[in-house]
C-alpha atoms as a PDB file:
ATOM      1  CA  MET A   1       3.469 -34.209-127.518  1.00  0.00           C
ATOM      2  CA  THR A   2       2.008 -31.033-126.020  1.00  0.00           C
ATOM      3  CA  GLU A   3       3.797 -28.986-123.385  1.00  0.00           C
ATOM      4  CA  LYS A   4       1.426 -30.260-120.681  1.00  0.00           C
ATOM      5  CA  GLU A   5       2.004 -33.873-121.764  1.00  0.00           C
ATOM      6  CA  ARG A   6       5.753 -33.426-122.012  1.00  0.00           C
ATOM      7  CA  PHE A   7       6.443 -31.667-118.707  1.00  0.00           C
ATOM      8  CA  VAL A   8       5.051 -33.044-115.447  1.00  0.00           C
ATOM      9  CA  ASP A   9       5.047 -31.076-112.198  1.00  0.00           C
ATOM     10  CA  ASN A  10       5.860 -33.813-109.699  1.00  0.00           C
ATOM     11  CA  GLY A  11       4.494 -31.792-106.761  1.00  0.00           C
ATOM     12  CA  ASP A  12       7.794 -31.978-104.864  1.00  0.00           C
ATOM     13  CA  GLY A  13       9.625 -29.020-106.382  1.00  0.00           C
ATOM     14  CA  THR A  14      10.673 -30.969-109.463  1.00  0.00           C
ATOM     15  CA  VAL A  15       9.531 -31.171-113.085  1.00  0.00           C
ATOM     16  CA  THR A  16      10.023 -34.255-115.242  1.00  0.00           C
ATOM     17  CA  ASP A  17      10.580 -33.916-118.973  1.00  0.00           C
ATOM     18  CA  ARG A  18       9.001 -37.010-120.512  1.00  0.00           C
ATOM     19  CA  LYS A  19      10.753 -36.362-123.835  1.00  0.00           C
ATOM     20  CA  THR A  20      14.296 -36.473-122.427  1.00  0.00           C
ATOM     21  CA  GLY A  21      13.635 -38.419-119.220  1.00  0.00           C
ATOM     22  CA  LEU A  22      15.391 -35.729-117.162  1.00  0.00           C
ATOM     23  CA  MET A  23      14.158 -34.385-113.842  1.00  0.00           C
ATOM     24  CA  TRP A  24      14.680 -30.663-113.220  1.00  0.00           C
ATOM     25  CA  VAL A  25      14.365 -28.479-110.141  1.00  0.00           C
ATOM     26  CA  ARG A  26      11.236 -26.368-110.718  1.00  0.00           C
ATOM     27  CA  THR A  27      13.032 -23.176-109.596  1.00  0.00           C
ATOM     28  CA  ASP A  28      16.438 -21.727-110.430  1.00  0.00           C
ATOM     29  CA  THR A  29      19.018 -19.641-108.594  1.00  0.00           C
ATOM     30  CA  MET A  30      17.147 -16.416-109.340  1.00  0.00           C
ATOM     31  CA  ASN A  31      13.989 -17.837-107.724  1.00  0.00           C
ATOM     32  CA  ASP A  32      15.830 -19.363-104.771  1.00  0.00           C
ATOM     33  CA  LEU A  33      18.748 -17.017-104.104  1.00  0.00           C
ATOM     34  CA  LYS A  34      17.253 -13.806-105.555  1.00  0.00           C
ATOM     35  CA  LYS A  35      20.485 -13.005-107.394  1.00  0.00           C
ATOM     36  CA  TRP A  36      22.576 -13.761-110.465  1.00  0.00           C
ATOM     37  CA  VAL A  37      25.386 -16.227-109.820  1.00  0.00           C
ATOM     38  CA  ASN A  38      28.834 -16.967-111.167  1.00  0.00           C
ATOM     39  CA  TYR A  39      29.935 -20.511-111.969  1.00  0.00           C
ATOM     40  CA  GLN A  40      31.271 -21.298-108.478  1.00  0.00           C
ATOM     41  CA  GLU A  41      28.056 -20.054-106.871  1.00  0.00           C
ATOM     42  CA  ALA A  42      26.072 -22.246-109.284  1.00  0.00           C
ATOM     43  CA  VAL A  43      28.174 -25.267-108.312  1.00  0.00           C
ATOM     44  CA  ASP A  44      27.657 -24.432-104.617  1.00  0.00           C
ATOM     45  CA  TYR A  45      23.883 -24.131-105.196  1.00  0.00           C
ATOM     46  CA  VAL A  46      23.775 -27.586-106.767  1.00  0.00           C
ATOM     47  CA  TRP A  47      25.983 -29.001-103.996  1.00  0.00           C
ATOM     48  CA  GLU A  48      23.490 -27.709-101.404  1.00  0.00           C
ATOM     49  CA  LEU A  49      20.646 -29.452-103.250  1.00  0.00           C
ATOM     50  CA  LYS A  50      22.670 -32.682-103.291  1.00  0.00           C
ATOM     51  CA  ALA A  51      23.717 -32.444 -99.640  1.00  0.00           C
ATOM     52  CA  GLY A  52      20.151 -31.688 -98.557  1.00  0.00           C
ATOM     53  CA  LYS A  53      18.768 -34.513-100.725  1.00  0.00           C
ATOM     54  CA  PHE A  54      16.335 -32.134-102.394  1.00  0.00           C
ATOM     55  CA  ALA A  55      13.113 -34.021-103.267  1.00  0.00           C
ATOM     56  CA  GLY A  56      14.822 -37.146-101.905  1.00  0.00           C
ATOM     57  CA  TYR A  57      17.744 -37.223-104.374  1.00  0.00           C
ATOM     58  CA  ASP A  58      21.473 -36.621-103.996  1.00  0.00           C
ATOM     59  CA  ASP A  59      22.512 -36.689-107.661  1.00  0.00           C
ATOM     60  CA  TRP A  60      21.680 -33.123-108.738  1.00  0.00           C
ATOM     61  CA  ARG A  61      24.079 -31.433-111.170  1.00  0.00           C
ATOM     62  CA  LEU A  62      24.319 -28.579-113.654  1.00  0.00           C
ATOM     63  CA  PRO A  63      23.010 -29.574-117.088  1.00  0.00           C
ATOM     64  CA  GLY A  64      25.106 -30.287-120.143  1.00  0.00           C
ATOM     65  CA  ARG A  65      24.792 -28.011-123.167  1.00  0.00           C
ATOM     66  CA  ASP A  66      22.309 -30.209-125.050  1.00  0.00           C
ATOM     67  CA  GLU A  67      20.222 -30.913-121.946  1.00  0.00           C
ATOM     68  CA  MET A  68      19.917 -27.188-121.310  1.00  0.00           C
ATOM     69  CA  LEU A  69      19.010 -26.508-124.954  1.00  0.00           C
ATOM     70  CA  ALA A  70      16.234 -29.121-124.815  1.00  0.00           C
ATOM     71  CA  LEU A  71      14.305 -26.929-122.327  1.00  0.00           C
ATOM     72  CA  TYR A  72      14.043 -24.045-124.784  1.00  0.00           C
ATOM     73  CA  ASP A  73      11.059 -24.021-127.139  1.00  0.00           C
ATOM     74  CA  GLU A  74       9.778 -20.851-128.765  1.00  0.00           C
ATOM     75  CA  ALA A  75       6.215 -22.176-128.398  1.00  0.00           C
ATOM     76  CA  PHE A  76       6.539 -22.219-124.585  1.00  0.00           C
ATOM     77  CA  SER A  77       5.859 -19.109-122.550  1.00  0.00           C
ATOM     78  CA  ASN A  78       6.861 -18.241-119.004  1.00  0.00           C
ATOM     79  CA  LYS A  79       7.980 -15.009-117.297  1.00  0.00           C
ATOM     80  CA  ASP A  80      11.431 -14.147-116.007  1.00  0.00           C
ATOM     81  CA  THR A  81      12.300 -12.079-112.931  1.00  0.00           C
ATOM     82  CA  PHE A  82      11.601  -8.875-114.894  1.00  0.00           C
ATOM     83  CA  GLY A  83       8.176 -10.046-116.132  1.00  0.00           C
ATOM     84  CA  LYS A  84       9.489 -10.548-119.676  1.00  0.00           C
ATOM     85  CA  GLU A  85       8.718 -13.614-121.752  1.00  0.00           C
ATOM     86  CA  ILE A  86      11.087 -16.573-121.681  1.00  0.00           C
ATOM     87  CA  HIS A  87      10.593 -19.777-123.628  1.00  0.00           C
ATOM     88  CA  ILE A  88      10.540 -22.635-121.136  1.00  0.00           C
ATOM     89  CA  SER A  89       7.562 -24.631-119.961  1.00  0.00           C
ATOM     90  CA  SER A  90       5.047 -22.964-117.684  1.00  0.00           C
ATOM     91  CA  ARG A  91       5.480 -26.004-115.402  1.00  0.00           C
ATOM     92  CA  PHE A  92       8.640 -24.241-114.183  1.00  0.00           C
ATOM     93  CA  ALA A  93       8.235 -21.495-111.599  1.00  0.00           C
ATOM     94  CA  PRO A  94       7.850 -17.990-113.035  1.00  0.00           C
ATOM     95  CA  GLY A  95      10.231 -15.261-111.917  1.00  0.00           C
ATOM     96  CA  GLY A  96      13.460 -17.097-112.677  1.00  0.00           C
ATOM     97  CA  GLY A  97      16.440 -15.950-114.657  1.00  0.00           C
ATOM     98  CA  LEU A  98      16.393 -14.942-118.300  1.00  0.00           C
ATOM     99  CA  SER A  99      19.377 -17.201-118.930  1.00  0.00           C
ATOM    100  CA  MET A 100      20.926 -20.357-117.587  1.00  0.00           C
ATOM    101  CA  MET A 101      24.371 -21.875-117.518  1.00  0.00           C
ATOM    102  CA  ALA A 102      25.577 -25.393-118.219  1.00  0.00           C
ATOM    103  CA  GLN A 103      28.305 -27.416-116.542  1.00  0.00           C
ATOM    104  CA  ILE A 104      31.897 -26.567-117.372  1.00  0.00           C
ATOM    105  CA  ILE A 105      33.181 -27.546-120.813  1.00  0.00           C
ATOM    106  CA  ARG A 106      35.434 -30.550-120.278  1.00  0.00           C
ATOM    107  CA  GLY A 107      39.085 -29.537-120.357  1.00  0.00           C
ATOM    108  CA  ARG A 108      38.351 -25.813-120.674  1.00  0.00           C
ATOM    109  CA  PRO A 109      37.593 -23.140-118.076  1.00  0.00           C
ATOM    110  CA  ARG A 110      34.344 -22.174-119.861  1.00  0.00           C
ATOM    111  CA  THR A 111      30.672 -22.933-119.781  1.00  0.00           C
ATOM    112  CA  PHE A 112      27.745 -22.456-122.139  1.00  0.00           C
ATOM    113  CA  VAL A 113      25.017 -19.910-121.394  1.00  0.00           C
ATOM    114  CA  LEU A 114      21.555 -20.122-122.947  1.00  0.00           C
ATOM    115  CA  SER A 115      19.293 -17.094-123.330  1.00  0.00           C
ATOM    116  CA  LEU A 116      15.782 -18.222-122.454  1.00  0.00           C
ATOM    117  CA  ARG A 117      14.416 -15.192-124.282  1.00  0.00           C
ATOM    118  CA  ASP A 118      15.756 -15.946-127.768  1.00  0.00           C
ATOM    119  CA  GLY A 119      17.489 -19.347-127.631  1.00  0.00           C
ATOM    120  CA  GLU A 120      20.954 -17.915-128.341  1.00  0.00           C
ATOM    121  CA  ILE A 121      23.795 -19.873-126.822  1.00  0.00           C
ATOM    122  CA  SER A 122      27.215 -18.458-125.980  1.00  0.00           C
ATOM    123  CA  ALA A 123      30.434 -19.546-124.289  1.00  0.00           C
ATOM    124  CA  PRO A 124      31.608 -16.394-122.505  1.00  0.00           C
ATOM    125  CA  ASP A 125      35.041 -15.990-120.952  1.00  0.00           C
ATOM    126  CA  GLY A 126      35.408 -15.784-117.202  1.00  0.00           C
ATOM    127  CA  LEU A 127      33.592 -18.386-115.125  1.00  0.00           C
ATOM    128  CA  TRP A 128      34.007 -16.248-112.015  1.00  0.00           C
ATOM    129  CA  THR A 129      32.676 -13.066-113.610  1.00  0.00           C
ATOM    130  CA  LEU A 130      29.548 -14.650-115.088  1.00  0.00           C
ATOM    131  CA  SER A 131      26.281 -13.239-113.885  1.00  0.00           C
ATOM    132  CA  GLU A 132      23.599 -15.740-114.888  1.00  0.00           C
ATOM    133  CA  SER A 133      21.119 -18.117-113.358  1.00  0.00           C
ATOM    134  CA  ALA A 134      21.448 -21.867-112.971  1.00  0.00           C
ATOM    135  CA  ARG A 135      18.962 -24.734-112.767  1.00  0.00           C
ATOM    136  CA  ALA A 136      19.773 -28.197-111.422  1.00  0.00           C
ATOM    137  CA  VAL A 137      18.967 -31.433-113.230  1.00  0.00           C
ATOM    138  CA  ARG A 138      19.311 -35.149-112.610  1.00  0.00           C
ATOM    139  CA  THR A 139      19.129 -38.259-114.726  1.00  0.00           C
ATOM    140  CA  PRO A 140      16.726 -40.610-112.956  1.00  0.00           C
ATOM    141  CA  ALA A 141      17.929 -44.154-112.359  1.00  0.00           C
ATOM    142  CA  ALA A 142      16.111 -46.978-114.127  1.00  0.00           C
ATOM    143  CA  HIS A 143      13.983 -47.768-111.049  1.00  0.00           C
ATOM    144  CA  ASP A 144      12.998 -44.082-110.792  1.00  0.00           C
ATOM    145  CA  ARG A 145      11.845 -44.051-114.437  1.00  0.00           C
ATOM    146  CA  GLN A 146       9.514 -46.990-113.797  1.00  0.00           C
ATOM    147  CA  ASN A 147       7.646 -44.821-111.299  1.00  0.00           C
ATOM    148  CA  MET A 148       7.466 -41.708-113.509  1.00  0.00           C
ATOM    149  CA  PRO A 149       4.068 -40.071-113.819  1.00  0.00           C
END
């Protein structure tokens, strides 16, 4: 499956990954807020998307570790906020962060962070001192998947 076949720009600010079935917000916190965020700010960002029913949905969340990793592919090329190459689909908006964070690790005050430049994943200390970007995701319901492009 090529990048263009795998990722579909839905035209409403979202991108659907046909391989995983997940729907992602096309932009991230760097695109939308113009700043790096800590974990609480990332949670607040996602809450705002949920409360505002972004693209008609109220089930946005931060991705899990494996969901986040599935976006990275060295064959993909996009540009981050500094104009440097990152390896996510060009269906996502350029100018985003060079990294992204996942939801909190269950039972631990930590999260995973993925470098979109080299695919390295880390679990840094200090949720409130993180300075990363975040991208929201949702798992479409069965009736949503029937209407996928």
